[in-house]
PDB file of N, CA and C in Angstrom:
ATOM      1  N   UNK A   1       0.838  -1.178   0.000  1.00  0.00           N
ATOM      2  CA  UNK A   1       0.000   0.000   0.000  1.00  0.00           C
ATOM      3  C   UNK A   1       0.884   1.244   0.000  1.00  0.00           C
ATOM      4  N   UNK A   2       0.466   2.241  -0.719  1.00  0.00           N
ATOM      5  CA  UNK A   2       1.207   3.509  -0.806  1.00  0.00           C
ATOM      6  C   UNK A   2       0.895   4.401   0.374  1.00  0.00           C
ATOM      7  N   UNK A   3       1.792   5.321   0.626  1.00  0.00           N
ATOM      8  CA  UNK A   3       1.587   6.311   1.669  1.00  0.00           C
ATOM      9  C   UNK A   3       1.878   7.689   1.081  1.00  0.00           C
ATOM     10  N   UNK A   4       1.335   8.697   1.687  1.00  0.00           N
ATOM     11  CA  UNK A   4       1.519  10.052   1.177  1.00  0.00           C
ATOM     12  C   UNK A   4       2.761  10.695   1.756  1.00  0.00           C
ATOM     13  N   UNK A   5       3.330  11.618   0.966  1.00  0.00           N
ATOM     14  CA  UNK A   5       4.461  12.406   1.404  1.00  0.00           C
ATOM     15  C   UNK A   5       4.161  13.844   0.979  1.00  0.00           C
ATOM     16  N   UNK A   6       4.330  14.766   1.886  1.00  0.00           N
ATOM     17  CA  UNK A   6       4.101  16.167   1.560  1.00  0.00           C
ATOM     18  C   UNK A   6       5.453  16.815   1.309  1.00  0.00           C
ATOM     19  N   UNK A   7       5.574  17.454   0.151  1.00  0.00           N
ATOM     20  CA  UNK A   7       6.820  18.112  -0.230  1.00  0.00           C
ATOM     21  C   UNK A   7       6.487  19.538  -0.636  1.00  0.00           C
ATOM     22  N   UNK A   8       7.237  20.467  -0.120  1.00  0.00           N
ATOM     23  CA  UNK A   8       7.033  21.872  -0.480  1.00  0.00           C
ATOM     24  C   UNK A   8       8.048  22.255  -1.554  1.00  0.00           C
ATOM     25  N   UNK A   9       7.540  22.875  -2.631  1.00  0.00           N
ATOM     26  CA  UNK A   9       8.399  23.312  -3.724  1.00  0.00           C
ATOM     27  C   UNK A   9       8.013  24.720  -4.150  1.00  0.00           C
ATOM     28  N   UNK A  10       8.919  25.364  -4.811  1.00  0.00           N
ATOM     29  CA  UNK A  10       8.687  26.685  -5.361  1.00  0.00           C
ATOM     30  C   UNK A  10       7.542  26.614  -6.379  1.00  0.00           C
ATOM     31  N   UNK A  11       6.661  27.593  -6.417  1.00  0.00           N
ATOM     32  CA  UNK A  11       5.524  27.571  -7.356  1.00  0.00           C
ATOM     33  C   UNK A  11       5.942  27.436  -8.823  1.00  0.00           C
ATOM     34  N   UNK A  12       7.042  28.081  -9.213  1.00  0.00           N
ATOM     35  CA  UNK A  12       7.506  27.960 -10.599  1.00  0.00           C
ATOM     36  C   UNK A  12       7.938  26.534 -10.917  1.00  0.00           C
ATOM     37  N   UNK A  13       8.628  25.909  -9.981  1.00  0.00           N
ATOM     38  CA  UNK A  13       9.046  24.525 -10.172  1.00  0.00           C
ATOM     39  C   UNK A  13       7.830  23.621 -10.286  1.00  0.00           C
ATOM     40  N   UNK A  14       6.848  23.839  -9.441  1.00  0.00           N
ATOM     41  CA  UNK A  14       5.622  23.028  -9.482  1.00  0.00           C
ATOM     42  C   UNK A  14       4.949  23.148 -10.841  1.00  0.00           C
ATOM     43  N   UNK A  15       4.865  24.376 -11.359  1.00  0.00           N
ATOM     44  CA  UNK A  15       4.226  24.594 -12.659  1.00  0.00           C
ATOM     45  C   UNK A  15       4.992  23.879 -13.770  1.00  0.00           C
ATOM     46  N   UNK A  16       6.311  23.958 -13.729  1.00  0.00           N
ATOM     47  CA  UNK A  16       7.128  23.287 -14.748  1.00  0.00           C
ATOM     48  C   UNK A  16       6.967  21.772 -14.675  1.00  0.00           C
ATOM     49  N   UNK A  17       6.993  21.236 -13.462  1.00  0.00           N
ATOM     50  CA  UNK A  17       6.820  19.787 -13.300  1.00  0.00           C
ATOM     51  C   UNK A  17       5.447  19.367 -13.809  1.00  0.00           C
ATOM     52  N   UNK A  18       4.411  20.138 -13.476  1.00  0.00           N
ATOM     53  CA  UNK A  18       3.060  19.836 -13.980  1.00  0.00           C
ATOM     54  C   UNK A  18       3.044  19.790 -15.500  1.00  0.00           C
ATOM     55  N   UNK A  19       3.670  20.777 -16.124  1.00  0.00           N
ATOM     56  CA  UNK A  19       3.681  20.835 -17.592  1.00  0.00           C
ATOM     57  C   UNK A  19       4.437  19.656 -18.203  1.00  0.00           C
ATOM     58  N   UNK A  20       5.630  19.374 -17.676  1.00  0.00           N
ATOM     59  CA  UNK A  20       6.413  18.260 -18.213  1.00  0.00           C
ATOM     60  C   UNK A  20       5.681  16.931 -18.017  1.00  0.00           C
ATOM     61  N   UNK A  21       5.090  16.743 -16.852  1.00  0.00           N
ATOM     62  CA  UNK A  21       4.361  15.502 -16.575  1.00  0.00           C
ATOM     63  C   UNK A  21       3.197  15.351 -17.548  1.00  0.00           C
ATOM     64  N   UNK A  22       2.470  16.426 -17.762  1.00  0.00           N
ATOM     65  CA  UNK A  22       1.318  16.397 -18.664  1.00  0.00           C
ATOM     66  C   UNK A  22       1.754  16.021 -20.079  1.00  0.00           C
ATOM     67  N   UNK A  23       2.863  16.617 -20.545  1.00  0.00           N
ATOM     68  CA  UNK A  23       3.380  16.318 -21.881  1.00  0.00           C
ATOM     69  C   UNK A  23       3.738  14.833 -22.003  1.00  0.00           C
ATOM     70  N   UNK A  24       4.270  14.262 -20.922  1.00  0.00           N
ATOM     71  CA  UNK A  24       4.663  12.850 -20.915  1.00  0.00           C
ATOM     72  C   UNK A  24       3.498  11.917 -20.627  1.00  0.00           C
ATOM     73  N   UNK A  25       2.318  12.495 -20.374  1.00  0.00           N
ATOM     74  CA  UNK A  25       1.147  11.659 -20.075  1.00  0.00           C
ATOM     75  C   UNK A  25       1.211  11.016 -18.707  1.00  0.00           C
ATOM     76  N   UNK A  26       1.878  11.687 -17.782  1.00  0.00           N
ATOM     77  CA  UNK A  26       2.034  11.160 -16.428  1.00  0.00           C
ATOM     78  C   UNK A  26       1.450  12.142 -15.427  1.00  0.00           C
ATOM     79  N   UNK A  27       1.192  11.626 -14.237  1.00  0.00           N
ATOM     80  CA  UNK A  27       0.803  12.503 -13.142  1.00  0.00           C
ATOM     81  C   UNK A  27       2.079  12.990 -12.454  1.00  0.00           C
ATOM     82  N   UNK A  28       1.963  14.069 -11.710  1.00  0.00           N
ATOM     83  CA  UNK A  28       3.108  14.569 -10.954  1.00  0.00           C
ATOM     84  C   UNK A  28       3.556  13.501  -9.959  1.00  0.00           C
ATOM     85  N   UNK A  29       2.607  12.795  -9.380  1.00  0.00           N
ATOM     86  CA  UNK A  29       2.963  11.727  -8.436  1.00  0.00           C
ATOM     87  C   UNK A  29       3.823  10.655  -9.105  1.00  0.00           C
ATOM     88  N   UNK A  30       3.482  10.293 -10.338  1.00  0.00           N
ATOM     89  CA  UNK A  30       4.279   9.301 -11.053  1.00  0.00           C
ATOM     90  C   UNK A  30       5.711   9.801 -11.275  1.00  0.00           C
ATOM     91  N   UNK A  31       5.822  11.064 -11.674  1.00  0.00           N
ATOM     92  CA  UNK A  31       7.141  11.651 -11.911  1.00  0.00           C
ATOM     93  C   UNK A  31       7.963  11.647 -10.622  1.00  0.00           C
ATOM     94  N   UNK A  32       7.359  12.074  -9.535  1.00  0.00           N
ATOM     95  CA  UNK A  32       8.073  12.137  -8.255  1.00  0.00           C
ATOM     96  C   UNK A  32       8.466  10.736  -7.802  1.00  0.00           C
ATOM     97  N   UNK A  33       7.562   9.760  -7.946  1.00  0.00           N
ATOM     98  CA  UNK A  33       7.897   8.378  -7.574  1.00  0.00           C
ATOM     99  C   UNK A  33       9.094   7.876  -8.369  1.00  0.00           C
ATOM    100  N   UNK A  34       9.090   8.122  -9.693  1.00  0.00           N
ATOM    101  CA  UNK A  34      10.203   7.687 -10.531  1.00  0.00           C
ATOM    102  C   UNK A  34      11.514   8.331 -10.085  1.00  0.00           C
ATOM    103  N   UNK A  35      11.465   9.622  -9.793  1.00  0.00           N
ATOM    104  CA  UNK A  35      12.668  10.323  -9.358  1.00  0.00           C
ATOM    105  C   UNK A  35      13.177   9.792  -8.019  1.00  0.00           C
ATOM    106  N   UNK A  36      12.264   9.531  -7.090  1.00  0.00           N
ATOM    107  CA  UNK A  36      12.668   8.997  -5.788  1.00  0.00           C
ATOM    108  C   UNK A  36      13.238   7.591  -5.910  1.00  0.00           C
ATOM    109  N   UNK A  37      12.613   6.765  -6.772  1.00  0.00           N
ATOM    110  CA  UNK A  37      13.118   5.409  -6.977  1.00  0.00           C
ATOM    111  C   UNK A  37      14.531   5.452  -7.559  1.00  0.00           C
ATOM    112  N   UNK A  38      14.761   6.333  -8.523  1.00  0.00           N
ATOM    113  CA  UNK A  38      16.079   6.476  -9.128  1.00  0.00           C
ATOM    114  C   UNK A  38      17.087   6.989  -8.102  1.00  0.00           C
ATOM    115  N   UNK A  39      16.676   7.924  -7.268  1.00  0.00           N
ATOM    116  CA  UNK A  39      17.537   8.480  -6.221  1.00  0.00           C
ATOM    117  C   UNK A  39      18.014   7.377  -5.275  1.00  0.00           C
ATOM    118  N   UNK A  40      17.073   6.565  -4.815  1.00  0.00           N
ATOM    119  CA  UNK A  40      17.419   5.480  -3.888  1.00  0.00           C
ATOM    120  C   UNK A  40      18.279   4.436  -4.597  1.00  0.00           C
ATOM    121  N   UNK A  41      17.908   4.100  -5.825  1.00  0.00           N
ATOM    122  CA  UNK A  41      18.664   3.097  -6.575  1.00  0.00           C
ATOM    123  C   UNK A  41      20.123   3.515  -6.741  1.00  0.00           C
ATOM    124  N   UNK A  42      20.351   4.798  -7.006  1.00  0.00           N
ATOM    125  CA  UNK A  42      21.712   5.288  -7.211  1.00  0.00           C
ATOM    126  C   UNK A  42      22.526   5.336  -5.926  1.00  0.00           C
ATOM    127  N   UNK A  43      21.881   5.229  -4.788  1.00  0.00           N
ATOM    128  CA  UNK A  43      22.600   5.310  -3.515  1.00  0.00           C
ATOM    129  C   UNK A  43      22.590   3.996  -2.739  1.00  0.00           C
ATOM    130  N   UNK A  44      21.917   2.997  -3.259  1.00  0.00           N
ATOM    131  CA  UNK A  44      21.799   1.698  -2.594  1.00  0.00           C
ATOM    132  C   UNK A  44      22.931   0.799  -3.092  1.00  0.00           C
ATOM    133  N   UNK A  45      23.941   0.585  -2.267  1.00  0.00           N
ATOM    134  CA  UNK A  45      25.132  -0.161  -2.680  1.00  0.00           C
ATOM    135  C   UNK A  45      24.781  -1.591  -3.094  1.00  0.00           C
ATOM    136  N   UNK A  46      23.808  -2.196  -2.441  1.00  0.00           N
ATOM    137  CA  UNK A  46      23.406  -3.562  -2.806  1.00  0.00           C
ATOM    138  C   UNK A  46      22.868  -3.616  -4.223  1.00  0.00           C
ATOM    139  N   UNK A  47      22.012  -2.664  -4.563  1.00  0.00           N
ATOM    140  CA  UNK A  47      21.474  -2.596  -5.923  1.00  0.00           C
ATOM    141  C   UNK A  47      22.576  -2.308  -6.926  1.00  0.00           C
ATOM    142  N   UNK A  48      23.505  -1.432  -6.530  1.00  0.00           N
ATOM    143  CA  UNK A  48      24.626  -1.097  -7.413  1.00  0.00           C
ATOM    144  C   UNK A  48      25.446  -2.346  -7.725  1.00  0.00           C
ATOM    145  N   UNK A  49      25.738  -3.118  -6.699  1.00  0.00           N
ATOM    146  CA  UNK A  49      26.539  -4.331  -6.905  1.00  0.00           C
ATOM    147  C   UNK A  49      25.775  -5.344  -7.746  1.00  0.00           C
ATOM    148  N   UNK A  50      24.480  -5.519  -7.463  1.00  0.00           N
ATOM    149  CA  UNK A  50      23.670  -6.429  -8.278  1.00  0.00           C
ATOM    150  C   UNK A  50      23.691  -6.006  -9.740  1.00  0.00           C
ATOM    151  N   UNK A  51      23.537  -4.711  -9.980  1.00  0.00           N
ATOM    152  CA  UNK A  51      23.551  -4.183 -11.342  1.00  0.00           C
ATOM    153  C   UNK A  51      24.921  -4.394 -11.989  1.00  0.00           C
ATOM    154  N   UNK A  52      25.982  -4.212 -11.206  1.00  0.00           N
ATOM    155  CA  UNK A  52      27.329  -4.423 -11.717  1.00  0.00           C
ATOM    156  C   UNK A  52      27.536  -5.879 -12.132  1.00  0.00           C
ATOM    157  N   UNK A  53      27.071  -6.820 -11.308  1.00  0.00           N
ATOM    158  CA  UNK A  53      27.188  -8.239 -11.647  1.00  0.00           C
ATOM    159  C   UNK A  53      26.396  -8.561 -12.904  1.00  0.00           C
ATOM    160  N   UNK A  54      25.203  -7.972 -13.004  1.00  0.00           N
ATOM    161  CA  UNK A  54      24.365  -8.221 -14.189  1.00  0.00           C
ATOM    162  C   UNK A  54      25.047  -7.690 -15.454  1.00  0.00           C
ATOM    163  N   UNK A  55      25.582  -6.476 -15.373  1.00  0.00           N
ATOM    164  CA  UNK A  55      26.280  -5.897 -16.529  1.00  0.00           C
ATOM    165  C   UNK A  55      27.512  -6.715 -16.898  1.00  0.00           C
ATOM    166  N   UNK A  56      28.253  -7.165 -15.889  1.00  0.00           N
ATOM    167  CA  UNK A  56      29.444  -7.973 -16.133  1.00  0.00           C
ATOM    168  C   UNK A  56      29.061  -9.281 -16.813  1.00  0.00           C
ATOM    169  N   UNK A  57      28.013  -9.919 -16.289  1.00  0.00           N
ATOM    170  CA  UNK A  57      27.543 -11.170 -16.889  1.00  0.00           C
ATOM    171  C   UNK A  57      27.090 -10.979 -18.327  1.00  0.00           C
ATOM    172  N   UNK A  58      26.370  -9.892 -18.571  1.00  0.00           N
ATOM    173  CA  UNK A  58      25.898  -9.612 -19.936  1.00  0.00           C
ATOM    174  C   UNK A  58      27.069  -9.363 -20.877  1.00  0.00           C
ATOM    175  N   UNK A  59      28.063  -8.639 -20.387  1.00  0.00           N
ATOM    176  CA  UNK A  59      29.232  -8.334 -21.217  1.00  0.00           C
ATOM    177  C   UNK A  59      29.995  -9.625 -21.541  1.00  0.00           C
ATOM    178  N   UNK A  60      30.154 -10.477 -20.541  1.00  0.00           N
ATOM    179  CA  UNK A  60      30.842 -11.751 -20.784  1.00  0.00           C
ATOM    180  C   UNK A  60      30.048 -12.623 -21.755  1.00  0.00           C
ATOM    181  N   UNK A  61      28.730 -12.687 -21.556  1.00  0.00           N
ATOM    182  CA  UNK A  61      27.882 -13.492 -22.443  1.00  0.00           C
ATOM    183  C   UNK A  61      27.928 -12.979 -23.871  1.00  0.00           C
ATOM    184  N   UNK A  62      27.846 -11.648 -24.024  1.00  0.00           N
ATOM    185  CA  UNK A  62      27.859 -11.081 -25.375  1.00  0.00           C
ATOM    186  C   UNK A  62      29.232 -11.259 -26.035  1.00  0.00           C
ATOM    187  N   UNK A  63      30.259 -11.454 -25.229  1.00  0.00           N
ATOM    188  CA  UNK A  63      31.599 -11.698 -25.765  1.00  0.00           C
ATOM    189  C   UNK A  63      31.844 -13.169 -26.063  1.00  0.00           C
ATOM    190  N   UNK A  64      30.820 -13.984 -25.863  1.00  0.00           N
ATOM    191  CA  UNK A  64      30.942 -15.406 -26.159  1.00  0.00           C
ATOM    192  C   UNK A  64      31.541 -16.228 -25.038  1.00  0.00           C
ATOM    193  N   UNK A  65      31.709 -15.627 -23.871  1.00  0.00           N
ATOM    194  CA  UNK A  65      32.282 -16.358 -22.749  1.00  0.00           C
ATOM    195  C   UNK A  65      31.218 -17.209 -22.065  1.00  0.00           C
ATOM    196  N   UNK A  66      31.623 -18.347 -21.566  1.00  0.00           N
ATOM    197  CA  UNK A  66      30.747 -19.276 -20.835  1.00  0.00           C
ATOM    198  C   UNK A  66      31.221 -19.312 -19.386  1.00  0.00           C
ATOM    199  N   UNK A  67      30.421 -19.859 -18.467  1.00  0.00           N
ATOM    200  CA  UNK A  67      30.848 -19.937 -17.060  1.00  0.00           C
ATOM    201  C   UNK A  67      32.217 -20.584 -16.879  1.00  0.00           C
ATOM    202  N   UNK A  68      32.524 -21.569 -17.703  1.00  0.00           N
ATOM    203  CA  UNK A  68      33.828 -22.243 -17.563  1.00  0.00           C
ATOM    204  C   UNK A  68      34.993 -21.329 -17.920  1.00  0.00           C
ATOM    205  N   UNK A  69      34.729 -20.238 -18.663  1.00  0.00           N
ATOM    206  CA  UNK A  69      35.782 -19.305 -19.071  1.00  0.00           C
ATOM    207  C   UNK A  69      36.103 -18.257 -18.006  1.00  0.00           C
ATOM    208  N   UNK A  70      35.269 -18.143 -16.988  1.00  0.00           N
ATOM    209  CA  UNK A  70      35.385 -17.055 -16.020  1.00  0.00           C
ATOM    210  C   UNK A  70      36.725 -17.072 -15.299  1.00  0.00           C
ATOM    211  N   UNK A  71      37.153 -18.235 -14.814  1.00  0.00           N
ATOM    212  CA  UNK A  71      38.431 -18.298 -14.096  1.00  0.00           C
ATOM    213  C   UNK A  71      39.586 -17.830 -14.973  1.00  0.00           C
ATOM    214  N   UNK A  72      39.600 -18.247 -16.226  1.00  0.00           N
ATOM    215  CA  UNK A  72      40.660 -17.854 -17.144  1.00  0.00           C
ATOM    216  C   UNK A  72      40.630 -16.347 -17.376  1.00  0.00           C
ATOM    217  N   UNK A  73      39.446 -15.786 -17.551  1.00  0.00           N
ATOM    218  CA  UNK A  73      39.313 -14.332 -17.770  1.00  0.00           C
ATOM    219  C   UNK A  73      39.841 -13.568 -16.546  1.00  0.00           C
ATOM    220  N   UNK A  74      39.485 -14.036 -15.350  1.00  0.00           N
ATOM    221  CA  UNK A  74      39.955 -13.378 -14.127  1.00  0.00           C
ATOM    222  C   UNK A  74      41.477 -13.437 -14.053  1.00  0.00           C
ATOM    223  N   UNK A  75      42.058 -14.593 -14.325  1.00  0.00           N
ATOM    224  CA  UNK A  75      43.516 -14.730 -14.298  1.00  0.00           C
ATOM    225  C   UNK A  75      44.161 -13.791 -15.338  1.00  0.00           C
ATOM    226  N   UNK A  76      43.571 -13.714 -16.524  1.00  0.00           N
ATOM    227  CA  UNK A  76      44.110 -12.853 -17.573  1.00  0.00           C
ATOM    228  C   UNK A  76      44.078 -11.386 -17.152  1.00  0.00           C
ATOM    229  N   UNK A  77      42.970 -10.956 -16.590  1.00  0.00           N
ATOM    230  CA  UNK A  77      42.837  -9.561 -16.174  1.00  0.00           C
ATOM    231  C   UNK A  77      43.788  -9.246 -15.022  1.00  0.00           C
ATOM    232  N   UNK A  78      43.869 -10.133 -14.071  1.00  0.00           N
ATOM    233  CA  UNK A  78      44.765  -9.896 -12.921  1.00  0.00           C
ATOM    234  C   UNK A  78      46.224  -9.890 -13.363  1.00  0.00           C
ATOM    235  N   UNK A  79      46.543 -10.656 -14.371  1.00  0.00           N
ATOM    236  CA  UNK A  79      47.915 -10.730 -14.866  1.00  0.00           C
ATOM    237  C   UNK A  79      48.358  -9.452 -15.544  1.00  0.00           C
ATOM    238  N   UNK A  80      47.424  -8.657 -16.009  1.00  0.00           N
ATOM    239  CA  UNK A  80      47.749  -7.405 -16.713  1.00  0.00           C
ATOM    240  C   UNK A  80      48.071  -6.266 -15.760  1.00  0.00           C
ATOM    241  N   UNK A  81      47.763  -6.442 -14.470  1.00  0.00           N
ATOM    242  CA  UNK A  81      47.943  -5.336 -13.506  1.00  0.00           C
ATOM    243  C   UNK A  81      49.095  -5.597 -12.582  1.00  0.00           C
TER     244      UNK A  81
END
């Protein structure tokens, strides 16, 4: 279940947000929720690490690497430093 949050903003900012939201076919609440979710996501280290693992896995997969290749790739990368 959702809960309400009261936020005070400058009237000009409110008007601009209303206009942008309307153009995008969204409510101001939807815009604010999206912004808050992105804010938390960018500061949540657990999510960051999960995203990093996902990106790494995707990059390895797109490069044709299989799980059995991972140890060799790690050794190769560590050997370069």
